[in-house]
């Protein structure tokens, strides 16, 4: 999923992006497995010498792998996995689809989540929206203000 380019990267990811570029850094990090019990980060060792059959070359290509070795030779990097960028994109898309009139059940099928989860995302977005907007006026006509999804409690999935 394409990230929002205006979102600031965590410092652990920015240092990689400074070497190989933002898009390549995010793609690279997305290919790495989580780091044990710390699901918010990934882990990779950058070798001092780079053989042509190294996993880093497979993931980045020779030139970018060489740049990584030049910048981080012999280091173990533990950057953020940047899943928050995917979540932000997913949430924006859910709200956009809802505003375009797509039914909640259809959105839930598209994003492979429950309808309840989609309603929660939409309700959160409407809570942060300034009063007097078009969406707010539509909900007011439906009587949905202060009851974003039919009186369900405010616990989130």
Foldseek 3Di string as FASTA:
>chain_A
DDFDPVDDFPPLQVVLCVQVHDVLSLQLLLPFAADPPRRQKGKDFLALDDDCPDVLCVSRNDVSSVSCNVVAHGDMRIGTSPVVRVVVVLLVVLLVCVVVPDDLCVSCVVVVHDSQQSLLSNVVVVVPDDPPDPVNVVCVVVVCVPPSDNPDDNDHD
